[in-house]
PDB file of N, CA and C in Angstrom:
ATOM      1  N   MET A   1      -1.118  16.055   2.644  1.00  0.00           N
ATOM      2  CA  MET A   1      -1.676  14.798   1.720  1.00  0.00           C
ATOM      3  C   MET A   1      -1.153  13.478   2.357  1.00  0.00           C
ATOM      4  N   LEU A   2      -2.115  12.507   2.306  1.00  0.00           N
ATOM      5  CA  LEU A   2      -1.927  11.211   2.563  1.00  0.00           C
ATOM      6  C   LEU A   2      -2.316  10.384   0.983  1.00  0.00           C
ATOM      7  N   TYR A   3      -1.082   9.733   0.813  1.00  0.00           N
ATOM      8  CA  TYR A   3      -0.717   8.623  -0.203  1.00  0.00           C
ATOM      9  C   TYR A   3      -0.953   7.327   0.276  1.00  0.00           C
ATOM     10  N   LEU A   4      -1.824   6.500  -0.559  1.00  0.00           N
ATOM     11  CA  LEU A   4      -2.224   5.264  -0.001  1.00  0.00           C
ATOM     12  C   LEU A   4      -1.561   4.461  -0.871  1.00  0.00           C
ATOM     13  N   LEU A   5      -0.607   3.400  -0.391  1.00  0.00           N
ATOM     14  CA  LEU A   5      -0.088   2.290  -1.461  1.00  0.00           C
ATOM     15  C   LEU A   5      -0.532   1.175  -1.664  1.00  0.00           C
ATOM     16  N   ASP A   6      -0.919   0.722  -2.795  1.00  0.00           N
ATOM     17  CA  ASP A   6      -1.358  -0.615  -3.175  1.00  0.00           C
ATOM     18  C   ASP A   6      -0.417  -1.564  -3.137  1.00  0.00           C
ATOM     19  N   ALA A   7      -0.871  -2.607  -2.864  1.00  0.00           N
ATOM     20  CA  ALA A   7       0.058  -4.029  -2.778  1.00  0.00           C
ATOM     21  C   ALA A   7       0.971  -4.179  -3.938  1.00  0.00           C
ATOM     22  N   ASN A   8       0.622  -3.863  -5.268  1.00  0.00           N
ATOM     23  CA  ASN A   8       1.602  -4.206  -6.435  1.00  0.00           C
ATOM     24  C   ASN A   8       2.422  -2.961  -6.437  1.00  0.00           C
ATOM     25  N   THR A   9       2.236  -1.906  -5.760  1.00  0.00           N
ATOM     26  CA  THR A   9       3.230  -0.828  -5.764  1.00  0.00           C
ATOM     27  C   THR A   9       4.542  -1.722  -5.129  1.00  0.00           C
ATOM     28  N   LEU A  10       4.361  -1.968  -3.849  1.00  0.00           N
ATOM     29  CA  LEU A  10       5.681  -2.596  -3.544  1.00  0.00           C
ATOM     30  C   LEU A  10       6.216  -3.942  -3.901  1.00  0.00           C
ATOM     31  N   ILE A  11       5.085  -4.644  -4.408  1.00  0.00           N
ATOM     32  CA  ILE A  11       5.484  -6.069  -4.674  1.00  0.00           C
ATOM     33  C   ILE A  11       6.173  -5.730  -6.193  1.00  0.00           C
ATOM     34  N   ASN A  12       5.614  -4.983  -7.181  1.00  0.00           N
ATOM     35  CA  ASN A  12       6.337  -4.627  -8.619  1.00  0.00           C
ATOM     36  C   ASN A  12       7.594  -3.942  -8.391  1.00  0.00           C
ATOM     37  N   ALA A  13       7.929  -2.890  -7.225  1.00  0.00           N
ATOM     38  CA  ALA A  13       8.961  -2.445  -6.863  1.00  0.00           C
ATOM     39  C   ALA A  13       9.916  -3.331  -6.776  1.00  0.00           C
ATOM     40  N   HIS A  14       9.783  -4.122  -5.787  1.00  0.00           N
ATOM     41  CA  HIS A  14      10.749  -5.295  -5.208  1.00  0.00           C
ATOM     42  C   HIS A  14      11.338  -6.099  -6.108  1.00  0.00           C
ATOM     43  N   ASP A  15      10.010  -6.463  -7.190  1.00  0.00           N
ATOM     44  CA  ASP A  15      10.521  -7.821  -8.116  1.00  0.00           C
ATOM     45  C   ASP A  15      10.952  -7.474  -9.368  1.00  0.00           C
ATOM     46  N   THR A  16      11.211  -5.881  -9.511  1.00  0.00           N
ATOM     47  CA  THR A  16      11.733  -5.564 -10.894  1.00  0.00           C
ATOM     48  C   THR A  16      12.928  -4.497 -10.343  1.00  0.00           C
ATOM     49  N   TYR A  17      12.674  -3.104 -10.690  1.00  0.00           N
ATOM     50  CA  TYR A  17      14.160  -2.293 -10.603  1.00  0.00           C
ATOM     51  C   TYR A  17      14.373  -1.808  -9.088  1.00  0.00           C
ATOM     52  N   TYR A  18      13.640  -2.063  -8.240  1.00  0.00           N
ATOM     53  CA  TYR A  18      13.907  -1.540  -6.820  1.00  0.00           C
ATOM     54  C   TYR A  18      14.164  -2.662  -5.646  1.00  0.00           C
ATOM     55  N   GLY A  19      14.701  -3.586  -6.069  1.00  0.00           N
ATOM     56  CA  GLY A  19      15.053  -4.832  -5.268  1.00  0.00           C
ATOM     57  C   GLY A  19      15.670  -4.205  -4.051  1.00  0.00           C
ATOM     58  N   MET A  20      15.498  -5.001  -2.664  1.00  0.00           N
ATOM     59  CA  MET A  20      16.069  -4.166  -1.615  1.00  0.00           C
ATOM     60  C   MET A  20      17.715  -4.053  -1.655  1.00  0.00           C
ATOM     61  N   ASP A  21      17.921  -5.169  -2.039  1.00  0.00           N
ATOM     62  CA  ASP A  21      19.539  -4.912  -2.198  1.00  0.00           C
ATOM     63  C   ASP A  21      20.008  -4.260  -3.291  1.00  0.00           C
ATOM     64  N   CYS A  22      19.556  -3.528  -3.989  1.00  0.00           N
ATOM     65  CA  CYS A  22      19.774  -3.005  -5.469  1.00  0.00           C
ATOM     66  C   CYS A  22      19.721  -1.532  -5.078  1.00  0.00           C
ATOM     67  N   VAL A  23      18.359  -1.343  -4.351  1.00  0.00           N
ATOM     68  CA  VAL A  23      18.219   0.137  -4.359  1.00  0.00           C
ATOM     69  C   VAL A  23      17.795   0.310  -2.723  1.00  0.00           C
ATOM     70  N   PRO A  24      18.641   0.207  -2.188  1.00  0.00           N
ATOM     71  CA  PRO A  24      17.966   0.216  -0.581  1.00  0.00           C
ATOM     72  C   PRO A  24      17.486   1.784  -0.189  1.00  0.00           C
ATOM     73  N   GLU A  25      18.107   2.700  -1.082  1.00  0.00           N
ATOM     74  CA  GLU A  25      17.319   4.099  -0.606  1.00  0.00           C
ATOM     75  C   GLU A  25      15.839   3.948  -1.026  1.00  0.00           C
ATOM     76  N   PHE A  26      15.553   3.474  -1.760  1.00  0.00           N
ATOM     77  CA  PHE A  26      14.159   3.524  -2.166  1.00  0.00           C
ATOM     78  C   PHE A  26      13.426   2.778  -0.923  1.00  0.00           C
ATOM     79  N   TRP A  27      13.943   2.013  -0.330  1.00  0.00           N
ATOM     80  CA  TRP A  27      12.796   1.162   0.723  1.00  0.00           C
ATOM     81  C   TRP A  27      12.979   2.214   1.888  1.00  0.00           C
ATOM     82  N   SER A  28      14.494   2.832   2.155  1.00  0.00           N
ATOM     83  CA  SER A  28      14.608   3.844   3.458  1.00  0.00           C
ATOM     84  C   SER A  28      13.562   4.822   2.950  1.00  0.00           C
ATOM     85  N   CYS A  29      13.489   5.353   2.050  1.00  0.00           N
ATOM     86  CA  CYS A  29      12.671   6.551   1.600  1.00  0.00           C
ATOM     87  C   CYS A  29      10.985   6.359   1.933  1.00  0.00           C
ATOM     88  N   LEU A  30      10.648   4.954   1.462  1.00  0.00           N
ATOM     89  CA  LEU A  30       9.264   4.443   1.766  1.00  0.00           C
ATOM     90  C   LEU A  30       9.012   4.626   3.407  1.00  0.00           C
ATOM     91  N   GLU A  31      10.118   4.183   3.974  1.00  0.00           N
ATOM     92  CA  GLU A  31      10.290   4.201   5.685  1.00  0.00           C
ATOM     93  C   GLU A  31       9.854   5.758   6.079  1.00  0.00           C
ATOM     94  N   PHE A  32      10.779   6.301   5.502  1.00  0.00           N
ATOM     95  CA  PHE A  32      10.901   7.943   5.903  1.00  0.00           C
ATOM     96  C   PHE A  32       9.277   8.568   5.860  1.00  0.00           C
ATOM     97  N   HIS A  33       9.079   8.377   4.848  1.00  0.00           N
ATOM     98  CA  HIS A  33       7.668   9.010   4.265  1.00  0.00           C
ATOM     99  C   HIS A  33       6.418   8.677   5.247  1.00  0.00           C
ATOM    100  N   ALA A  34       6.403   7.209   5.362  1.00  0.00           N
ATOM    101  CA  ALA A  34       5.687   6.528   6.505  1.00  0.00           C
ATOM    102  C   ALA A  34       5.547   7.061   7.612  1.00  0.00           C
ATOM    103  N   ARG A  35       6.801   7.361   8.280  1.00  0.00           N
ATOM    104  CA  ARG A  35       6.870   7.772   9.663  1.00  0.00           C
ATOM    105  C   ARG A  35       6.311   9.458   9.585  1.00  0.00           C
ATOM    106  N   LYS A  36       6.560  10.027   8.421  1.00  0.00           N
ATOM    107  CA  LYS A  36       6.085  11.323   8.317  1.00  0.00           C
ATOM    108  C   LYS A  36       4.238  11.281   8.274  1.00  0.00           C
ATOM    109  N   ASN A  37       3.867  10.173   8.396  1.00  0.00           N
ATOM    110  CA  ASN A  37       2.621  10.198   7.656  1.00  0.00           C
ATOM    111  C   ASN A  37       2.157  10.918   6.325  1.00  0.00           C
ATOM    112  N   ILE A  38       2.955  10.294   5.267  1.00  0.00           N
ATOM    113  CA  ILE A  38       2.853  10.759   4.210  1.00  0.00           C
ATOM    114  C   ILE A  38       2.299   9.803   3.323  1.00  0.00           C
ATOM    115  N   CYS A  39       2.636   8.568   3.355  1.00  0.00           N
ATOM    116  CA  CYS A  39       2.018   7.276   2.732  1.00  0.00           C
ATOM    117  C   CYS A  39       1.793   6.219   3.812  1.00  0.00           C
ATOM    118  N   ARG A  40       0.514   5.450   3.369  1.00  0.00           N
ATOM    119  CA  ARG A  40       0.318   4.224   4.205  1.00  0.00           C
ATOM    120  C   ARG A  40      -0.105   3.032   3.243  1.00  0.00           C
ATOM    121  N   ILE A  41      -0.634   2.144   4.130  1.00  0.00           N
ATOM    122  CA  ILE A  41      -1.187   0.891   3.296  1.00  0.00           C
ATOM    123  C   ILE A  41      -2.176   0.656   4.108  1.00  0.00           C
ATOM    124  N   PRO A  42      -3.402   0.576   3.308  1.00  0.00           N
ATOM    125  CA  PRO A  42      -4.671   0.108   4.285  1.00  0.00           C
ATOM    126  C   PRO A  42      -4.391  -1.308   4.855  1.00  0.00           C
ATOM    127  N   PRO A  43      -5.197  -1.520   5.885  1.00  0.00           N
ATOM    128  CA  PRO A  43      -4.885  -2.914   6.433  1.00  0.00           C
ATOM    129  C   PRO A  43      -5.426  -4.132   5.337  1.00  0.00           C
ATOM    130  N   MET A  44      -6.503  -3.768   4.741  1.00  0.00           N
ATOM    131  CA  MET A  44      -6.708  -5.012   3.815  1.00  0.00           C
ATOM    132  C   MET A  44      -5.371  -5.219   2.646  1.00  0.00           C
ATOM    133  N   ILE A  45      -4.968  -4.025   2.178  1.00  0.00           N
ATOM    134  CA  ILE A  45      -4.334  -4.029   1.248  1.00  0.00           C
ATOM    135  C   ILE A  45      -2.769  -4.994   1.660  1.00  0.00           C
ATOM    136  N   TYR A  46      -2.588  -4.361   2.855  1.00  0.00           N
ATOM    137  CA  TYR A  46      -1.297  -4.906   3.680  1.00  0.00           C
ATOM    138  C   TYR A  46      -1.495  -6.300   3.736  1.00  0.00           C
ATOM    139  N   HIS A  47      -2.220  -7.005   3.904  1.00  0.00           N
ATOM    140  CA  HIS A  47      -2.789  -8.341   4.024  1.00  0.00           C
ATOM    141  C   HIS A  47      -2.574  -9.055   2.344  1.00  0.00           C
ATOM    142  N   GLU A  48      -2.751  -8.343   1.437  1.00  0.00           N
ATOM    143  CA  GLU A  48      -2.766  -8.982   0.044  1.00  0.00           C
ATOM    144  C   GLU A  48      -0.853  -9.016  -0.206  1.00  0.00           C
ATOM    145  N   ILE A  49       0.207  -8.597   0.367  1.00  0.00           N
ATOM    146  CA  ILE A  49       1.253  -8.728   0.017  1.00  0.00           C
ATOM    147  C   ILE A  49       1.695  -9.892   0.740  1.00  0.00           C
ATOM    148  N   ASN A  50       2.080 -10.546  -0.617  1.00  0.00           N
ATOM    149  CA  ASN A  50       2.379 -12.171   0.370  1.00  0.00           C
ATOM    150  C   ASN A  50       4.177 -12.510  -0.608  1.00  0.00           C
ATOM    151  N   PRO A  51       5.136 -11.478  -0.303  1.00  0.00           N
ATOM    152  CA  PRO A  51       6.472 -11.610  -1.092  1.00  0.00           C
ATOM    153  C   PRO A  51       7.129 -13.037  -0.934  1.00  0.00           C
ATOM    154  N   LYS A  52       8.038 -13.343  -1.859  1.00  0.00           N
ATOM    155  CA  LYS A  52       8.395 -14.813  -1.950  1.00  0.00           C
ATOM    156  C   LYS A  52       9.842 -14.428  -1.226  1.00  0.00           C
ATOM    157  N   SER A  53      10.601 -13.121  -1.426  1.00  0.00           N
ATOM    158  CA  SER A  53      11.532 -12.957  -0.591  1.00  0.00           C
ATOM    159  C   SER A  53      11.374 -12.841   0.976  1.00  0.00           C
ATOM    160  N   LYS A  54      12.142 -13.524   1.580  1.00  0.00           N
ATOM    161  CA  LYS A  54      12.378 -13.447   2.996  1.00  0.00           C
ATOM    162  C   LYS A  54      12.625 -12.447   3.702  1.00  0.00           C
ATOM    163  N   GLU A  55      13.629 -11.660   2.837  1.00  0.00           N
ATOM    164  CA  GLU A  55      14.316 -10.253   3.276  1.00  0.00           C
ATOM    165  C   GLU A  55      12.922  -9.370   3.180  1.00  0.00           C
ATOM    166  N   PHE A  56      12.500  -9.183   2.104  1.00  0.00           N
ATOM    167  CA  PHE A  56      10.919  -8.396   1.967  1.00  0.00           C
ATOM    168  C   PHE A  56       9.890  -8.781   3.004  1.00  0.00           C
ATOM    169  N   ARG A  57       9.608  -9.711   3.291  1.00  0.00           N
ATOM    170  CA  ARG A  57       8.907 -10.267   4.302  1.00  0.00           C
ATOM    171  C   ARG A  57       9.237  -9.812   5.684  1.00  0.00           C
ATOM    172  N   GLN A  58      10.633  -9.565   6.134  1.00  0.00           N
ATOM    173  CA  GLN A  58      11.028  -9.144   7.031  1.00  0.00           C
ATOM    174  C   GLN A  58      10.855  -7.719   7.386  1.00  0.00           C
ATOM    175  N   TRP A  59      11.145  -6.900   5.900  1.00  0.00           N
ATOM    176  CA  TRP A  59      11.132  -5.735   6.021  1.00  0.00           C
ATOM    177  C   TRP A  59       9.534  -5.105   6.478  1.00  0.00           C
ATOM    178  N   LEU A  60       8.873  -5.980   5.715  1.00  0.00           N
ATOM    179  CA  LEU A  60       7.362  -5.692   6.014  1.00  0.00           C
ATOM    180  C   LEU A  60       6.808  -5.931   7.259  1.00  0.00           C
ATOM    181  N   ASP A  61       6.937  -6.979   7.958  1.00  0.00           N
ATOM    182  CA  ASP A  61       6.773  -7.225   9.372  1.00  0.00           C
ATOM    183  C   ASP A  61       7.415  -6.159  10.201  1.00  0.00           C
ATOM    184  N   ARG A  62       8.496  -5.547   9.926  1.00  0.00           N
ATOM    185  CA  ARG A  62       9.405  -4.632  10.917  1.00  0.00           C
ATOM    186  C   ARG A  62       8.593  -3.194  10.757  1.00  0.00           C
ATOM    187  N   ASN A  63       8.074  -3.195   9.862  1.00  0.00           N
ATOM    188  CA  ASN A  63       7.584  -1.766   9.388  1.00  0.00           C
ATOM    189  C   ASN A  63       6.012  -1.744   9.512  1.00  0.00           C
ATOM    190  N   LYS A  64       5.457  -2.872   9.711  1.00  0.00           N
ATOM    191  CA  LYS A  64       3.939  -2.913   9.847  1.00  0.00           C
ATOM    192  C   LYS A  64       3.116  -1.767  10.489  1.00  0.00           C
ATOM    193  N   GLU A  65       3.610  -1.467  11.668  1.00  0.00           N
ATOM    194  CA  GLU A  65       2.986  -0.402  12.608  1.00  0.00           C
ATOM    195  C   GLU A  65       3.019   0.693  11.883  1.00  0.00           C
ATOM    196  N   VAL A  66       4.330   0.979  11.059  1.00  0.00           N
ATOM    197  CA  VAL A  66       4.326   2.386  10.377  1.00  0.00           C
ATOM    198  C   VAL A  66       3.859   2.731   9.474  1.00  0.00           C
ATOM    199  N   PHE A  67       3.539   1.655   8.504  1.00  0.00           N
ATOM    200  CA  PHE A  67       3.103   1.691   7.348  1.00  0.00           C
ATOM    201  C   PHE A  67       1.327   1.630   7.283  1.00  0.00           C
ATOM    202  N   THR A  68       0.669   0.672   8.159  1.00  0.00           N
ATOM    203  CA  THR A  68      -0.514   0.381   8.499  1.00  0.00           C
ATOM    204  C   THR A  68      -1.209   1.528   8.681  1.00  0.00           C
ATOM    205  N   LEU A  69      -2.482   2.002   7.824  1.00  0.00           N
ATOM    206  CA  LEU A  69      -3.280   2.938   7.766  1.00  0.00           C
ATOM    207  C   LEU A  69      -4.200   2.644   9.037  1.00  0.00           C
ATOM    208  N   LYS A  70      -4.124   3.522  10.078  1.00  0.00           N
ATOM    209  CA  LYS A  70      -5.074   3.563  11.229  1.00  0.00           C
ATOM    210  C   LYS A  70      -6.589   4.039  11.495  1.00  0.00           C
ATOM    211  N   GLU A  71      -6.973   4.287  10.329  1.00  0.00           N
ATOM    212  CA  GLU A  71      -8.354   4.732   9.957  1.00  0.00           C
ATOM    213  C   GLU A  71      -9.388   4.115  10.365  1.00  0.00           C
ATOM    214  N   VAL A  72     -10.435   4.474  10.456  1.00  0.00           N
ATOM    215  CA  VAL A  72     -11.593   3.560  11.026  1.00  0.00           C
ATOM    216  C   VAL A  72     -12.240   3.551   9.342  1.00  0.00           C
ATOM    217  N   GLU A  73     -12.657   2.299   8.806  1.00  0.00           N
ATOM    218  CA  GLU A  73     -13.186   2.313   7.409  1.00  0.00           C
ATOM    219  C   GLU A  73     -15.003   2.970   7.598  1.00  0.00           C
ATOM    220  N   ASN A  74     -15.004   3.888   6.705  1.00  0.00           N
ATOM    221  CA  ASN A  74     -16.287   4.821   6.582  1.00  0.00           C
ATOM    222  C   ASN A  74     -17.034   4.139   5.448  1.00  0.00           C
ATOM    223  N   SER A  75     -17.853   3.278   6.014  1.00  0.00           N
ATOM    224  CA  SER A  75     -18.545   2.538   4.671  1.00  0.00           C
ATOM    225  C   SER A  75     -19.530   3.324   3.659  1.00  0.00           C
ATOM    226  N   ALA A  76     -20.073   4.349   4.730  1.00  0.00           N
ATOM    227  CA  ALA A  76     -20.713   5.551   3.832  1.00  0.00           C
ATOM    228  C   ALA A  76     -20.146   6.286   2.763  1.00  0.00           C
ATOM    229  N   LEU A  77     -19.197   6.562   3.343  1.00  0.00           N
ATOM    230  CA  LEU A  77     -18.046   7.506   2.182  1.00  0.00           C
ATOM    231  C   LEU A  77     -17.477   6.691   1.269  1.00  0.00           C
ATOM    232  N   ILE A  78     -17.330   5.579   1.462  1.00  0.00           N
ATOM    233  CA  ILE A  78     -16.899   4.491   0.514  1.00  0.00           C
ATOM    234  C   ILE A  78     -17.609   4.430  -0.824  1.00  0.00           C
ATOM    235  N   ARG A  79     -19.319   3.905  -0.017  1.00  0.00           N
ATOM    236  CA  ARG A  79     -20.608   3.893  -1.259  1.00  0.00           C
ATOM    237  C   ARG A  79     -20.516   5.108  -1.899  1.00  0.00           C
ATOM    238  N   SER A  80     -20.442   6.347  -1.023  1.00  0.00           N
ATOM    239  CA  SER A  80     -20.441   7.532  -2.003  1.00  0.00           C
ATOM    240  C   SER A  80     -19.132   7.737  -3.345  1.00  0.00           C
ATOM    241  N   VAL A  81     -18.370   7.217  -2.849  1.00  0.00           N
ATOM    242  CA  VAL A  81     -17.164   7.567  -3.633  1.00  0.00           C
ATOM    243  C   VAL A  81     -17.268   6.593  -4.900  1.00  0.00           C
ATOM    244  N   ILE A  82     -17.904   5.332  -4.740  1.00  0.00           N
ATOM    245  CA  ILE A  82     -18.416   4.297  -5.631  1.00  0.00           C
ATOM    246  C   ILE A  82     -19.248   5.066  -6.520  1.00  0.00           C
ATOM    247  N   THR A  83     -20.322   5.134  -6.120  1.00  0.00           N
ATOM    248  CA  THR A  83     -21.762   5.488  -6.900  1.00  0.00           C
ATOM    249  C   THR A  83     -21.142   6.890  -7.486  1.00  0.00           C
ATOM    250  N   GLN A  84     -20.651   7.945  -6.981  1.00  0.00           N
ATOM    251  CA  GLN A  84     -20.577   9.329  -7.667  1.00  0.00           C
ATOM    252  C   GLN A  84     -19.312   9.334  -8.290  1.00  0.00           C
ATOM    253  N   GLY A  85     -18.286   8.649  -7.802  1.00  0.00           N
ATOM    254  CA  GLY A  85     -16.932   8.700  -8.579  1.00  0.00           C
ATOM    255  C   GLY A  85     -16.855   7.785  -9.801  1.00  0.00           C
ATOM    256  N   TYR A  86     -17.345   6.733  -9.554  1.00  0.00           N
ATOM    257  CA  TYR A  86     -17.433   5.454 -10.756  1.00  0.00           C
ATOM    258  C   TYR A  86     -18.541   5.183 -11.123  1.00  0.00           C
ATOM    259  N   GLY A  87     -19.565   5.516 -10.662  1.00  0.00           N
ATOM    260  CA  GLY A  87     -20.976   5.253 -11.072  1.00  0.00           C
ATOM    261  C   GLY A  87     -21.673   4.073 -10.733  1.00  0.00           C
ATOM    262  N   ASN A  88     -23.106   3.854 -10.747  1.00  0.00           N
ATOM    263  CA  ASN A  88     -23.937   2.837 -10.432  1.00  0.00           C
ATOM    264  C   ASN A  88     -23.805   1.458 -11.336  1.00  0.00           C
ATOM    265  N   GLU A  89     -23.858   1.931 -12.548  1.00  0.00           N
ATOM    266  CA  GLU A  89     -24.264   0.888 -13.580  1.00  0.00           C
ATOM    267  C   GLU A  89     -22.682   0.508 -14.246  1.00  0.00           C
ATOM    268  N   ILE A  90     -21.763   0.316 -13.737  1.00  0.00           N
ATOM    269  CA  ILE A  90     -20.248  -0.096 -14.124  1.00  0.00           C
ATOM    270  C   ILE A  90     -20.435  -1.187 -14.540  1.00  0.00           C
ATOM    271  N   THR A  91     -19.819  -1.983 -15.569  1.00  0.00           N
ATOM    272  CA  THR A  91     -19.851  -3.300 -15.678  1.00  0.00           C
ATOM    273  C   THR A  91     -18.697  -3.947 -15.460  1.00  0.00           C
ATOM    274  N   ASP A  92     -18.025  -5.133 -15.299  1.00  0.00           N
ATOM    275  CA  ASP A  92     -16.818  -5.608 -14.868  1.00  0.00           C
ATOM    276  C   ASP A  92     -15.903  -5.239 -15.973  1.00  0.00           C
ATOM    277  N   VAL A  93     -16.281  -5.331 -17.235  1.00  0.00           N
ATOM    278  CA  VAL A  93     -15.505  -4.795 -18.356  1.00  0.00           C
ATOM    279  C   VAL A  93     -14.977  -3.075 -18.074  1.00  0.00           C
ATOM    280  N   GLN A  94     -15.844  -2.446 -17.697  1.00  0.00           N
ATOM    281  CA  GLN A  94     -15.314  -1.133 -17.725  1.00  0.00           C
ATOM    282  C   GLN A  94     -14.659  -0.821 -16.392  1.00  0.00           C
TER     283      GLN A  94
END
C-alpha cells in the first residue's frame, strides 16, 4: 500500500511536536519509508510546502527525488473519484 502525504502532515509535524532537532528519528523514519516506496508526496503537494526553517528546506530539497510521486496523473480516474466518492452536487461548505 502506498500512503500519500499532504503538505500539512510535514509542516505541522515540523512546527509542533516533531521538530528536526527534537525528534530526528521521525524524519529518518519518513525517509526510510519513502525509500521503500511506502509513502510519497504528489508533486503538486510538494510545491505547496514552503518551510520557514532553513534546515527543513534543506531536508526537503535533499529528499525531493525520494519523496516525489512519479505517477502520471490520470484525469479520468480523478474525475471518477470526485463524482463517485464525493458526489456531483457538493457545496463549498460540505
